[in-house]
Amino acid sequence: MAKITYIDHDGTERVVEAQNGETVMEAAIKNSIPGIDADCGGACACATCHVYVDAAFMDKVGEQEEMEKSMLDFAENVQENSRLSCQITVSDALDGLKVTTPESQH
């Protein structure tokens, strides 16, 4: 289990407990986190779960695969730390993870 902090573009923080094995997107949907719509249900077929990963966790969330890179082409305001939250699997190593949702998703 890991505590994940979801931060709105305006700085509002929401902390949730996520189960190991679920994705950061699934935990967001279960907890009604604004800014993460997950229109494709986690199939990596849209970019509505785009988040900015805190720099301290970039090495822990894993590398982007080609499909995720392609989907991020459809997201607005992509940055070096941009990820699709459906592609980040929760583990104990992610305890304390902070992700920020882009203003364009609110």
PDB file of N, CA and C in Angstrom:
ATOM      1  N   MET A   1       0.843  -1.173   0.000  1.00  0.00           N
ATOM      2  CA  MET A   1       0.000   0.000   0.000  1.00  0.00           C
ATOM      3  C   MET A   1       0.889   1.237   0.000  1.00  0.00           C
ATOM      4  N   ALA A   2       0.444   2.271  -0.694  1.00  0.00           N
ATOM      5  CA  ALA A   2       1.223   3.502  -0.779  1.00  0.00           C
ATOM      6  C   ALA A   2       0.296   4.706  -0.643  1.00  0.00           C
ATOM      7  N   LYS A   3       0.783   5.719   0.028  1.00  0.00           N
ATOM      8  CA  LYS A   3       0.053   6.990   0.074  1.00  0.00           C
ATOM      9  C   LYS A   3       0.494   7.822  -1.117  1.00  0.00           C
ATOM     10  N   ILE A   4      -0.491   8.301  -1.864  1.00  0.00           N
ATOM     11  CA  ILE A   4      -0.231   9.124  -3.036  1.00  0.00           C
ATOM     12  C   ILE A   4      -0.915  10.463  -2.831  1.00  0.00           C
ATOM     13  N   THR A   5      -0.182  11.532  -3.120  1.00  0.00           N
ATOM     14  CA  THR A   5      -0.735  12.877  -3.041  1.00  0.00           C
ATOM     15  C   THR A   5      -1.008  13.375  -4.450  1.00  0.00           C
ATOM     16  N   TYR A   6      -2.263  13.682  -4.704  1.00  0.00           N
ATOM     17  CA  TYR A   6      -2.681  14.267  -5.980  1.00  0.00           C
ATOM     18  C   TYR A   6      -2.815  15.762  -5.751  1.00  0.00           C
ATOM     19  N   ILE A   7      -2.145  16.553  -6.572  1.00  0.00           N
ATOM     20  CA  ILE A   7      -2.143  17.999  -6.414  1.00  0.00           C
ATOM     21  C   ILE A   7      -2.805  18.631  -7.637  1.00  0.00           C
ATOM     22  N   ASP A   8      -3.837  19.438  -7.389  1.00  0.00           N
ATOM     23  CA  ASP A   8      -4.477  20.180  -8.471  1.00  0.00           C
ATOM     24  C   ASP A   8      -3.524  21.269  -8.955  1.00  0.00           C
ATOM     25  N   HIS A   9      -3.806  21.791 -10.132  1.00  0.00           N
ATOM     26  CA  HIS A   9      -2.973  22.863 -10.676  1.00  0.00           C
ATOM     27  C   HIS A   9      -2.946  24.089  -9.756  1.00  0.00           C
ATOM     28  N   ASP A  10      -3.978  24.235  -8.897  1.00  0.00           N
ATOM     29  CA  ASP A  10      -4.039  25.393  -7.999  1.00  0.00           C
ATOM     30  C   ASP A  10      -3.379  25.121  -6.643  1.00  0.00           C
ATOM     31  N   GLY A  11      -2.820  23.908  -6.475  1.00  0.00           N
ATOM     32  CA  GLY A  11      -2.111  23.587  -5.242  1.00  0.00           C
ATOM     33  C   GLY A  11      -2.903  22.785  -4.228  1.00  0.00           C
ATOM     34  N   THR A  12      -4.198  22.549  -4.484  1.00  0.00           N
ATOM     35  CA  THR A  12      -5.007  21.748  -3.564  1.00  0.00           C
ATOM     36  C   THR A  12      -4.489  20.312  -3.556  1.00  0.00           C
ATOM     37  N   GLU A  13      -4.231  19.776  -2.363  1.00  0.00           N
ATOM     38  CA  GLU A  13      -3.696  18.420  -2.231  1.00  0.00           C
ATOM     39  C   GLU A  13      -4.749  17.467  -1.683  1.00  0.00           C
ATOM     40  N   ARG A  14      -4.755  16.256  -2.247  1.00  0.00           N
ATOM     41  CA  ARG A  14      -5.615  15.178  -1.762  1.00  0.00           C
ATOM     42  C   ARG A  14      -4.747  13.934  -1.609  1.00  0.00           C
ATOM     43  N   VAL A  15      -4.709  13.377  -0.413  1.00  0.00           N
ATOM     44  CA  VAL A  15      -3.898  12.189  -0.138  1.00  0.00           C
ATOM     45  C   VAL A  15      -4.809  10.980  -0.074  1.00  0.00           C
ATOM     46  N   VAL A  16      -4.435   9.930  -0.813  1.00  0.00           N
ATOM     47  CA  VAL A  16      -5.209   8.684  -0.804  1.00  0.00           C
ATOM     48  C   VAL A  16      -4.267   7.506  -0.564  1.00  0.00           C
ATOM     49  N   GLU A  17      -4.828   6.417  -0.067  1.00  0.00           N
ATOM     50  CA  GLU A  17      -4.071   5.179   0.072  1.00  0.00           C
ATOM     51  C   GLU A  17      -4.406   4.305  -1.125  1.00  0.00           C
ATOM     52  N   ALA A  18      -3.367   3.892  -1.833  1.00  0.00           N
ATOM     53  CA  ALA A  18      -3.537   3.074  -3.032  1.00  0.00           C
ATOM     54  C   ALA A  18      -3.021   1.664  -2.766  1.00  0.00           C
ATOM     55  N   GLN A  19      -3.705   0.702  -3.314  1.00  0.00           N
ATOM     56  CA  GLN A  19      -3.327  -0.703  -3.161  1.00  0.00           C
ATOM     57  C   GLN A  19      -2.194  -1.060  -4.122  1.00  0.00           C
ATOM     58  N   ASN A  20      -1.260  -1.872  -3.661  1.00  0.00           N
ATOM     59  CA  ASN A  20      -0.212  -2.374  -4.547  1.00  0.00           C
ATOM     60  C   ASN A  20      -0.864  -3.130  -5.698  1.00  0.00           C
ATOM     61  N   GLY A  21      -0.347  -2.893  -6.901  1.00  0.00           N
ATOM     62  CA  GLY A  21      -0.862  -3.579  -8.082  1.00  0.00           C
ATOM     63  C   GLY A  21      -1.866  -2.773  -8.879  1.00  0.00           C
ATOM     64  N   GLU A  22      -2.553  -1.825  -8.245  1.00  0.00           N
ATOM     65  CA  GLU A  22      -3.451  -0.972  -9.016  1.00  0.00           C
ATOM     66  C   GLU A  22      -2.629   0.167  -9.607  1.00  0.00           C
ATOM     67  N   THR A  23      -3.214   0.896 -10.529  1.00  0.00           N
ATOM     68  CA  THR A  23      -2.477   2.007 -11.125  1.00  0.00           C
ATOM     69  C   THR A  23      -2.800   3.309 -10.389  1.00  0.00           C
ATOM     70  N   VAL A  24      -1.952   4.280 -10.598  1.00  0.00           N
ATOM     71  CA  VAL A  24      -2.168   5.608 -10.010  1.00  0.00           C
ATOM     72  C   VAL A  24      -3.495   6.179 -10.511  1.00  0.00           C
ATOM     73  N   MET A  25      -3.854   5.869 -11.761  1.00  0.00           N
ATOM     74  CA  MET A  25      -5.139   6.304 -12.311  1.00  0.00           C
ATOM     75  C   MET A  25      -6.309   5.626 -11.609  1.00  0.00           C
ATOM     76  N   GLU A  26      -6.216   4.317 -11.391  1.00  0.00           N
ATOM     77  CA  GLU A  26      -7.302   3.597 -10.726  1.00  0.00           C
ATOM     78  C   GLU A  26      -7.540   4.137  -9.320  1.00  0.00           C
ATOM     79  N   ALA A  27      -6.474   4.418  -8.606  1.00  0.00           N
ATOM     80  CA  ALA A  27      -6.614   4.985  -7.261  1.00  0.00           C
ATOM     81  C   ALA A  27      -7.279   6.356  -7.326  1.00  0.00           C
ATOM     82  N   ALA A  28      -6.960   7.126  -8.350  1.00  0.00           N
ATOM     83  CA  ALA A  28      -7.565   8.458  -8.515  1.00  0.00           C
ATOM     84  C   ALA A  28      -9.061   8.346  -8.792  1.00  0.00           C
ATOM     85  N   ILE A  29      -9.436   7.446  -9.675  1.00  0.00           N
ATOM     86  CA  ILE A  29     -10.851   7.274 -10.020  1.00  0.00           C
ATOM     87  C   ILE A  29     -11.645   6.797  -8.806  1.00  0.00           C
ATOM     88  N   LYS A  30     -11.108   5.820  -8.059  1.00  0.00           N
ATOM     89  CA  LYS A  30     -11.792   5.310  -6.863  1.00  0.00           C
ATOM     90  C   LYS A  30     -12.035   6.407  -5.835  1.00  0.00           C
ATOM     91  N   ASN A  31     -11.164   7.413  -5.841  1.00  0.00           N
ATOM     92  CA  ASN A  31     -11.232   8.476  -4.836  1.00  0.00           C
ATOM     93  C   ASN A  31     -11.715   9.808  -5.401  1.00  0.00           C
ATOM     94  N   SER A  32     -12.295   9.773  -6.593  1.00  0.00           N
ATOM     95  CA  SER A  32     -12.895  10.956  -7.240  1.00  0.00           C
ATOM     96  C   SER A  32     -11.936  12.142  -7.303  1.00  0.00           C
ATOM     97  N   ILE A  33     -10.708  11.880  -7.735  1.00  0.00           N
ATOM     98  CA  ILE A  33      -9.719  12.939  -7.864  1.00  0.00           C
ATOM     99  C   ILE A  33     -10.037  13.764  -9.109  1.00  0.00           C
ATOM    100  N   PRO A  34     -10.246  15.070  -8.953  1.00  0.00           N
ATOM    101  CA  PRO A  34     -10.538  15.901 -10.119  1.00  0.00           C
ATOM    102  C   PRO A  34      -9.322  16.014 -11.036  1.00  0.00           C
ATOM    103  N   GLY A  35      -9.593  16.098 -12.332  1.00  0.00           N
ATOM    104  CA  GLY A  35      -8.513  16.278 -13.296  1.00  0.00           C
ATOM    105  C   GLY A  35      -8.008  14.975 -13.894  1.00  0.00           C
ATOM    106  N   ILE A  36      -8.480  13.842 -13.380  1.00  0.00           N
ATOM    107  CA  ILE A  36      -8.125  12.544 -13.958  1.00  0.00           C
ATOM    108  C   ILE A  36      -9.431  11.885 -14.394  1.00  0.00           C
ATOM    109  N   ASP A  37      -9.700  11.977 -15.704  1.00  0.00           N
ATOM    110  CA  ASP A  37     -10.968  11.482 -16.249  1.00  0.00           C
ATOM    111  C   ASP A  37     -10.905  10.022 -16.660  1.00  0.00           C
ATOM    112  N   ALA A  38      -9.768   9.586 -17.191  1.00  0.00           N
ATOM    113  CA  ALA A  38      -9.581   8.194 -17.604  1.00  0.00           C
ATOM    114  C   ALA A  38     -10.655   7.746 -18.589  1.00  0.00           C
ATOM    115  N   ASP A  39     -10.840   8.504 -19.646  1.00  0.00           N
ATOM    116  CA  ASP A  39     -11.880   8.210 -20.630  1.00  0.00           C
ATOM    117  C   ASP A  39     -11.769   6.815 -21.239  1.00  0.00           C
ATOM    118  N   CYS A  40     -10.538   6.302 -21.381  1.00  0.00           N
ATOM    119  CA  CYS A  40     -10.363   4.981 -22.008  1.00  0.00           C
ATOM    120  C   CYS A  40     -10.353   3.855 -20.990  1.00  0.00           C
ATOM    121  N   GLY A  41     -10.503   4.184 -19.715  1.00  0.00           N
ATOM    122  CA  GLY A  41     -10.547   3.159 -18.681  1.00  0.00           C
ATOM    123  C   GLY A  41      -9.204   2.546 -18.335  1.00  0.00           C
ATOM    124  N   GLY A  42      -8.131   3.183 -18.748  1.00  0.00           N
ATOM    125  CA  GLY A  42      -6.803   2.678 -18.411  1.00  0.00           C
ATOM    126  C   GLY A  42      -6.150   1.859 -19.500  1.00  0.00           C
ATOM    127  N   ALA A  43      -6.658   1.949 -20.720  1.00  0.00           N
ATOM    128  CA  ALA A  43      -6.131   1.157 -21.835  1.00  0.00           C
ATOM    129  C   ALA A  43      -5.001   1.853 -22.584  1.00  0.00           C
ATOM    130  N   CYS A  44      -4.545   2.979 -22.072  1.00  0.00           N
ATOM    131  CA  CYS A  44      -3.490   3.764 -22.730  1.00  0.00           C
ATOM    132  C   CYS A  44      -3.918   4.165 -24.143  1.00  0.00           C
ATOM    133  N   ALA A  45      -5.186   4.588 -24.256  1.00  0.00           N
ATOM    134  CA  ALA A  45      -5.739   4.968 -25.551  1.00  0.00           C
ATOM    135  C   ALA A  45      -6.232   6.414 -25.559  1.00  0.00           C
ATOM    136  N   CYS A  46      -5.869   7.169 -24.539  1.00  0.00           N
ATOM    137  CA  CYS A  46      -6.192   8.590 -24.481  1.00  0.00           C
ATOM    138  C   CYS A  46      -5.129   9.259 -23.615  1.00  0.00           C
ATOM    139  N   ALA A  47      -5.315  10.497 -23.285  1.00  0.00           N
ATOM    140  CA  ALA A  47      -4.343  11.173 -22.415  1.00  0.00           C
ATOM    141  C   ALA A  47      -5.046  11.922 -21.292  1.00  0.00           C
ATOM    142  N   THR A  48      -6.238  11.447 -20.908  1.00  0.00           N
ATOM    143  CA  THR A  48      -7.022  12.158 -19.899  1.00  0.00           C
ATOM    144  C   THR A  48      -6.639  11.803 -18.470  1.00  0.00           C
ATOM    145  N   CYS A  49      -5.567  11.045 -18.317  1.00  0.00           N
ATOM    146  CA  CYS A  49      -5.037  10.769 -16.974  1.00  0.00           C
ATOM    147  C   CYS A  49      -3.611  11.296 -16.842  1.00  0.00           C
ATOM    148  N   HIS A  50      -3.274  12.259 -17.695  1.00  0.00           N
ATOM    149  CA  HIS A  50      -1.947  12.879 -17.715  1.00  0.00           C
ATOM    150  C   HIS A  50      -1.646  13.540 -16.369  1.00  0.00           C
ATOM    151  N   VAL A  51      -0.461  13.274 -15.839  1.00  0.00           N
ATOM    152  CA  VAL A  51       0.002  13.899 -14.598  1.00  0.00           C
ATOM    153  C   VAL A  51       1.465  14.289 -14.743  1.00  0.00           C
ATOM    154  N   TYR A  52       1.892  15.188 -13.848  1.00  0.00           N
ATOM    155  CA  TYR A  52       3.297  15.525 -13.708  1.00  0.00           C
ATOM    156  C   TYR A  52       3.798  14.822 -12.455  1.00  0.00           C
ATOM    157  N   VAL A  53       4.818  13.998 -12.609  1.00  0.00           N
ATOM    158  CA  VAL A  53       5.374  13.232 -11.493  1.00  0.00           C
ATOM    159  C   VAL A  53       6.430  14.066 -10.780  1.00  0.00           C
ATOM    160  N   ASP A  54       6.353  14.081  -9.451  1.00  0.00           N
ATOM    161  CA  ASP A  54       7.348  14.772  -8.646  1.00  0.00           C
ATOM    162  C   ASP A  54       8.739  14.238  -8.985  1.00  0.00           C
ATOM    163  N   ALA A  55       9.710  15.141  -9.095  1.00  0.00           N
ATOM    164  CA  ALA A  55      11.071  14.781  -9.507  1.00  0.00           C
ATOM    165  C   ALA A  55      11.687  13.685  -8.643  1.00  0.00           C
ATOM    166  N   ALA A  56      11.363  13.658  -7.375  1.00  0.00           N
ATOM    167  CA  ALA A  56      11.936  12.663  -6.458  1.00  0.00           C
ATOM    168  C   ALA A  56      11.499  11.236  -6.788  1.00  0.00           C
ATOM    169  N   PHE A  57      10.459  11.089  -7.596  1.00  0.00           N
ATOM    170  CA  PHE A  57       9.925   9.761  -7.908  1.00  0.00           C
ATOM    171  C   PHE A  57      10.108   9.359  -9.370  1.00  0.00           C
ATOM    172  N   MET A  58      10.717  10.197 -10.169  1.00  0.00           N
ATOM    173  CA  MET A  58      10.842   9.883 -11.591  1.00  0.00           C
ATOM    174  C   MET A  58      11.567   8.563 -11.836  1.00  0.00           C
ATOM    175  N   ASP A  59      12.578   8.249 -11.038  1.00  0.00           N
ATOM    176  CA  ASP A  59      13.312   7.002 -11.238  1.00  0.00           C
ATOM    177  C   ASP A  59      12.557   5.790 -10.692  1.00  0.00           C
ATOM    178  N   LYS A  60      11.509   6.018  -9.913  1.00  0.00           N
ATOM    179  CA  LYS A  60      10.760   4.919  -9.300  1.00  0.00           C
ATOM    180  C   LYS A  60       9.508   4.529 -10.082  1.00  0.00           C
ATOM    181  N   VAL A  61       9.034   5.407 -10.962  1.00  0.00           N
ATOM    182  CA  VAL A  61       7.789   5.123 -11.688  1.00  0.00           C
ATOM    183  C   VAL A  61       8.016   4.324 -12.972  1.00  0.00           C
ATOM    184  N   GLY A  62       9.257   4.102 -13.331  1.00  0.00           N
ATOM    185  CA  GLY A  62       9.561   3.334 -14.534  1.00  0.00           C
ATOM    186  C   GLY A  62       9.617   4.207 -15.777  1.00  0.00           C
ATOM    187  N   GLU A  63      10.056   3.600 -16.834  1.00  0.00           N
ATOM    188  CA  GLU A  63      10.202   4.298 -18.120  1.00  0.00           C
ATOM    189  C   GLU A  63       8.893   4.282 -18.906  1.00  0.00           C
ATOM    190  N   GLN A  64       8.709   5.286 -19.738  1.00  0.00           N
ATOM    191  CA  GLN A  64       7.565   5.301 -20.646  1.00  0.00           C
ATOM    192  C   GLN A  64       7.790   4.262 -21.739  1.00  0.00           C
ATOM    193  N   GLU A  65       6.715   3.561 -22.088  1.00  0.00           N
ATOM    194  CA  GLU A  65       6.786   2.678 -23.248  1.00  0.00           C
ATOM    195  C   GLU A  65       6.302   3.458 -24.467  1.00  0.00           C
ATOM    196  N   GLU A  66       6.502   2.901 -25.646  1.00  0.00           N
ATOM    197  CA  GLU A  66       6.192   3.616 -26.890  1.00  0.00           C
ATOM    198  C   GLU A  66       4.727   4.052 -26.976  1.00  0.00           C
ATOM    199  N   MET A  67       3.800   3.196 -26.554  1.00  0.00           N
ATOM    200  CA  MET A  67       2.386   3.554 -26.634  1.00  0.00           C
ATOM    201  C   MET A  67       2.089   4.776 -25.767  1.00  0.00           C
ATOM    202  N   GLU A  68       2.668   4.813 -24.578  1.00  0.00           N
ATOM    203  CA  GLU A  68       2.453   5.960 -23.695  1.00  0.00           C
ATOM    204  C   GLU A  68       3.033   7.223 -24.317  1.00  0.00           C
ATOM    205  N   LYS A  69       4.213   7.118 -24.892  1.00  0.00           N
ATOM    206  CA  LYS A  69       4.820   8.283 -25.559  1.00  0.00           C
ATOM    207  C   LYS A  69       3.905   8.801 -26.669  1.00  0.00           C
ATOM    208  N   SER A  70       3.327   7.880 -27.427  1.00  0.00           N
ATOM    209  CA  SER A  70       2.420   8.268 -28.514  1.00  0.00           C
ATOM    210  C   SER A  70       1.181   8.974 -27.983  1.00  0.00           C
ATOM    211  N   MET A  71       0.620   8.462 -26.896  1.00  0.00           N
ATOM    212  CA  MET A  71      -0.580   9.077 -26.323  1.00  0.00           C
ATOM    213  C   MET A  71      -0.267  10.452 -25.730  1.00  0.00           C
ATOM    214  N   LEU A  72       0.911  10.619 -25.177  1.00  0.00           N
ATOM    215  CA  LEU A  72       1.278  11.932 -24.616  1.00  0.00           C
ATOM    216  C   LEU A  72       1.371  12.999 -25.698  1.00  0.00           C
ATOM    217  N   ASP A  73       1.510  12.583 -26.965  1.00  0.00           N
ATOM    218  CA  ASP A  73       1.491  13.545 -28.070  1.00  0.00           C
ATOM    219  C   ASP A  73       0.147  14.262 -28.145  1.00  0.00           C
ATOM    220  N   PHE A  74      -0.915  13.645 -27.588  1.00  0.00           N
ATOM    221  CA  PHE A  74      -2.247  14.243 -27.613  1.00  0.00           C
ATOM    222  C   PHE A  74      -2.539  15.092 -26.378  1.00  0.00           C
ATOM    223  N   ALA A  75      -1.659  15.050 -25.394  1.00  0.00           N
ATOM    224  CA  ALA A  75      -1.856  15.813 -24.156  1.00  0.00           C
ATOM    225  C   ALA A  75      -1.361  17.245 -24.347  1.00  0.00           C
ATOM    226  N   GLU A  76      -1.923  18.135 -23.559  1.00  0.00           N
ATOM    227  CA  GLU A  76      -1.479  19.525 -23.577  1.00  0.00           C
ATOM    228  C   GLU A  76      -0.415  19.746 -22.514  1.00  0.00           C
ATOM    229  N   ASN A  77       0.485  20.684 -22.791  1.00  0.00           N
ATOM    230  CA  ASN A  77       1.504  21.105 -21.823  1.00  0.00           C
ATOM    231  C   ASN A  77       2.356  19.948 -21.308  1.00  0.00           C
ATOM    232  N   VAL A  78       2.802  19.084 -22.206  1.00  0.00           N
ATOM    233  CA  VAL A  78       3.655  17.956 -21.824  1.00  0.00           C
ATOM    234  C   VAL A  78       5.017  18.485 -21.377  1.00  0.00           C
ATOM    235  N   GLN A  79       5.516  17.893 -20.286  1.00  0.00           N
ATOM    236  CA  GLN A  79       6.808  18.269 -19.725  1.00  0.00           C
ATOM    237  C   GLN A  79       7.677  17.017 -19.594  1.00  0.00           C
ATOM    238  N   GLU A  80       8.925  17.201 -19.191  1.00  0.00           N
ATOM    239  CA  GLU A  80       9.843  16.069 -19.013  1.00  0.00           C
ATOM    240  C   GLU A  80       9.302  15.043 -18.017  1.00  0.00           C
ATOM    241  N   ASN A  81       8.551  15.516 -17.019  1.00  0.00           N
ATOM    242  CA  ASN A  81       8.033  14.629 -15.979  1.00  0.00           C
ATOM    243  C   ASN A  81       6.584  14.209 -16.228  1.00  0.00           C
ATOM    244  N   SER A  82       6.112  14.363 -17.454  1.00  0.00           N
ATOM    245  CA  SER A  82       4.750  13.955 -17.809  1.00  0.00           C
ATOM    246  C   SER A  82       4.653  12.444 -17.913  1.00  0.00           C
ATOM    247  N   ARG A  83       3.569  11.907 -17.364  1.00  0.00           N
ATOM    248  CA  ARG A  83       3.275  10.478 -17.467  1.00  0.00           C
ATOM    249  C   ARG A  83       1.769  10.303 -17.555  1.00  0.00           C
ATOM    250  N   LEU A  84       1.344   9.177 -18.099  1.00  0.00           N
ATOM    251  CA  LEU A  84      -0.057   8.787 -18.022  1.00  0.00           C
ATOM    252  C   LEU A  84      -0.192   7.949 -16.762  1.00  0.00           C
ATOM    253  N   SER A  85      -1.077   8.368 -15.877  1.00  0.00           N
ATOM    254  CA  SER A  85      -1.177   7.691 -14.579  1.00  0.00           C
ATOM    255  C   SER A  85      -1.686   6.255 -14.702  1.00  0.00           C
ATOM    256  N   CYS A  86      -2.284   5.905 -15.834  1.00  0.00           N
ATOM    257  CA  CYS A  86      -2.716   4.518 -16.048  1.00  0.00           C
ATOM    258  C   CYS A  86      -1.534   3.589 -16.292  1.00  0.00           C
ATOM    259  N   GLN A  87      -0.378   4.159 -16.531  1.00  0.00           N
ATOM    260  CA  GLN A  87       0.808   3.364 -16.827  1.00  0.00           C
ATOM    261  C   GLN A  87       1.774   3.268 -15.655  1.00  0.00           C
ATOM    262  N   ILE A  88       1.370   3.796 -14.502  1.00  0.00           N
ATOM    263  CA  ILE A  88       2.202   3.741 -13.298  1.00  0.00           C
ATOM    264  C   ILE A  88       1.529   2.793 -12.310  1.00  0.00           C
ATOM    265  N   THR A  89       2.190   1.674 -12.030  1.00  0.00           N
ATOM    266  CA  THR A  89       1.652   0.678 -11.111  1.00  0.00           C
ATOM    267  C   THR A  89       2.127   0.964  -9.691  1.00  0.00           C
ATOM    268  N   VAL A  90       1.194   0.958  -8.773  1.00  0.00           N
ATOM    269  CA  VAL A  90       1.483   1.252  -7.368  1.00  0.00           C
ATOM    270  C   VAL A  90       2.265   0.105  -6.735  1.00  0.00           C
ATOM    271  N   SER A  91       3.273   0.473  -5.951  1.00  0.00           N
ATOM    272  CA  SER A  91       4.045  -0.482  -5.155  1.00  0.00           C
ATOM    273  C   SER A  91       4.501   0.244  -3.890  1.00  0.00           C
ATOM    274  N   ASP A  92       5.053  -0.501  -2.955  1.00  0.00           N
ATOM    275  CA  ASP A  92       5.564   0.116  -1.730  1.00  0.00           C
ATOM    276  C   ASP A  92       6.603   1.191  -2.032  1.00  0.00           C
ATOM    277  N   ALA A  93       7.346   1.026  -3.125  1.00  0.00           N
ATOM    278  CA  ALA A  93       8.381   1.989  -3.495  1.00  0.00           C
ATOM    279  C   ALA A  93       7.799   3.361  -3.842  1.00  0.00           C
ATOM    280  N   LEU A  94       6.504   3.403  -4.139  1.00  0.00           N
ATOM    281  CA  LEU A  94       5.862   4.671  -4.499  1.00  0.00           C
ATOM    282  C   LEU A  94       5.189   5.357  -3.314  1.00  0.00           C
ATOM    283  N   ASP A  95       5.374   4.827  -2.109  1.00  0.00           N
ATOM    284  CA  ASP A  95       4.791   5.467  -0.926  1.00  0.00           C
ATOM    285  C   ASP A  95       5.319   6.890  -0.821  1.00  0.00           C
ATOM    286  N   GLY A  96       4.396   7.864  -0.776  1.00  0.00           N
ATOM    287  CA  GLY A  96       4.766   9.269  -0.719  1.00  0.00           C
ATOM    288  C   GLY A  96       4.770   9.957  -2.077  1.00  0.00           C
ATOM    289  N   LEU A  97       4.449   9.214  -3.138  1.00  0.00           N
ATOM    290  CA  LEU A  97       4.415   9.774  -4.487  1.00  0.00           C
ATOM    291  C   LEU A  97       3.525  11.008  -4.541  1.00  0.00           C
ATOM    292  N   LYS A  98       3.994  12.020  -5.266  1.00  0.00           N
ATOM    293  CA  LYS A  98       3.192  13.215  -5.520  1.00  0.00           C
ATOM    294  C   LYS A  98       3.070  13.393  -7.017  1.00  0.00           C
ATOM    295  N   VAL A  99       1.831  13.581  -7.470  1.00  0.00           N
ATOM    296  CA  VAL A  99       1.574  13.876  -8.877  1.00  0.00           C
ATOM    297  C   VAL A  99       0.667  15.096  -8.957  1.00  0.00           C
ATOM    298  N   THR A 100       0.895  15.908  -9.971  1.00  0.00           N
ATOM    299  CA  THR A 100       0.113  17.114 -10.186  1.00  0.00           C
ATOM    300  C   THR A 100      -0.656  16.993 -11.492  1.00  0.00           C
ATOM    301  N   THR A 101      -1.925  17.390 -11.473  1.00  0.00           N
ATOM    302  CA  THR A 101      -2.723  17.356 -12.691  1.00  0.00           C
ATOM    303  C   THR A 101      -2.593  18.692 -13.422  1.00  0.00           C
ATOM    304  N   PRO A 102      -2.481  18.652 -14.743  1.00  0.00           N
ATOM    305  CA  PRO A 102      -2.362  19.892 -15.518  1.00  0.00           C
ATOM    306  C   PRO A 102      -3.639  20.716 -15.465  1.00  0.00           C
ATOM    307  N   GLU A 103      -3.470  22.017 -15.559  1.00  0.00           N
ATOM    308  CA  GLU A 103      -4.622  22.922 -15.529  1.00  0.00           C
ATOM    309  C   GLU A 103      -5.596  22.617 -16.668  1.00  0.00           C
ATOM    310  N   SER A 104      -5.099  22.173 -17.798  1.00  0.00           N
ATOM    311  CA  SER A 104      -5.960  21.901 -18.959  1.00  0.00           C
ATOM    312  C   SER A 104      -6.932  20.747 -18.724  1.00  0.00           C
ATOM    313  N   GLN A 105      -6.736  19.963 -17.673  1.00  0.00           N
ATOM    314  CA  GLN A 105      -7.624  18.835 -17.398  1.00  0.00           C
ATOM    315  C   GLN A 105      -8.678  19.166 -16.350  1.00  0.00           C
ATOM    316  N   HIS A 106      -8.797  20.416 -15.989  1.00  0.00           N
ATOM    317  CA  HIS A 106      -9.797  20.801 -14.990  1.00  0.00           C
ATOM    318  C   HIS A 106     -10.912  21.594 -15.621  1.00  0.00           C
TER     319      HIS A 106
END
